[in-house]
Amino acid sequence: MSKARAGVLAVLIGMAAICALHHEESTGTRSASLTEQSGDSVSKRLTGSTVERPVHFTAEHQASPEVGRLGRRGGEPIIIAHRGASAFRPEHTLLAYTVAISMGADYIEPDLVSTKDHVLVARHENELSATTDVARHPEFADRRTSKTINGIRHTGWFTEDFTLAELRTLRARERFPTQRRGNTAYDGMERIPTLDEIVQLAQNHGVGVYAETKFPTYFASIGLPLEEPLLETFRKYGWDDERDPVFIQSFETGNLKRLHPLTRLRLIQFIGANGAPYDHVRAGDPTTYDDMVTPEGLREIAKYADGIGVVTKRIGPRDPGGFESRPVSPAALVRNAQREGLLVHATTVRKLAVRLRADLRGDSSGGRADEEVRKWLRRLYRLNLDGVIADDPGMARAVRDRFRTEG
């Protein structure tokens, strides 16, 4: 067993009660912790099947039709854990993903970047100083540099300048230490996980992987394209079909179009709040995200993708009580996309953002912030979405389950 996985299990044994307590507060019922659930029970929960399933999927495993329909319309919306349970543990760590599974996430979401030796690892960005202790490693001081990524200048340490072995000497830390003070207790405990480790964790517990390719144009420009190692890793673990619990997402369009003829795994076109995909900007293509949410734009997306991920600024309220002006109304956007056969996932319900607003209003208890998130989620579920990406997957699941029973 690796040190990273051993660390995850050790922490979970001590923290299982906290995860269960959180679920109890959200739903009014106490669920079994991850350490008490078998892989079979989790798999049955996801698929709705009573057929016994193996805990670990092998490379020869053939996904069942029930697993394959995970995230398809006609069932309940899927819960996608944003960078893991990032409201509770440092994002993009095996600990954050494991806690997300214990809270009831259907999918865990890694953002993927490349190392120097072309291994995919999970970081929100390829610059390392905000999420690791790299600045404390004198042996890497000379690798601090400045680079332009997607038109923006960054200074720091970058994954593509490190081999995987070198990255393994770093430890993860909380990206927002002043806003998520509780997460800092786990600083230094976890290594940067590889996509291999994330897929193994997901398969061991019967959940899916919702992978985002970060800066695909940039990585292709430096000879480290993300698509080949991404598909190779999924194939290695027997995931290569639309029936498998995998989504590949991107805010750019070119890499999804390249992936379309290469894989049957489901592809999700992310749509930002404003501006345009970076590959459009670089190529001089005038098509913006506003253009992409029109009926014509959605029809074009349906030629190469299976769904869209829409930022909540386009389909959810920024503040309680209303929506800001948009080129397409939330209901029409969801309806038009689904008419084209596209799944619609909302990204991202952030507990951090509403907590900050609550703090500004002097609400130190957090109760008002939690209620705001619940109202936000209920509004999104009323739009008949196919999935929600949230940094508190326990709350997203609790609200979804209550919404379903209340009709």
Foldseek 3Di string as FASTA:
>chain_A
DDLQVVLLVVVCVVCQVVLQVVLCVQFVDGDGFPVPDALQVLQCVQQVDPDGDDLFFALPDDFDLSLLCRLPPPDFAAEEAEQALVLAAAGQFPNRNRSNVRLPHQAYEFEWDAALVQFIWGDPFQFPVLWKPVVVDVVCVVQFDWDQALNRIDTHHGRSDHDPVRQQVIWTAHNDCVLRVNNRVCTPSGGTGTPLVVVRVCSSNNHAYEYEYPRQVVCVVVVRHNPVNVQVSCSNRNDFASRHRYEYEYCADVVLQVCQVVTRHAYEHEADPWFAHSVCVVVVNPDHSLNLLDLVNLLVVLVRGQAYEYECLQQFDPDPDDHDDGPAYNLRSCVSNVVSNHAYEYDALELSSLVVVCVVVVNPVSPVSLVVSLVRLLSVVVSVHSYYHYSNSSNNVSSSVVSVVVD
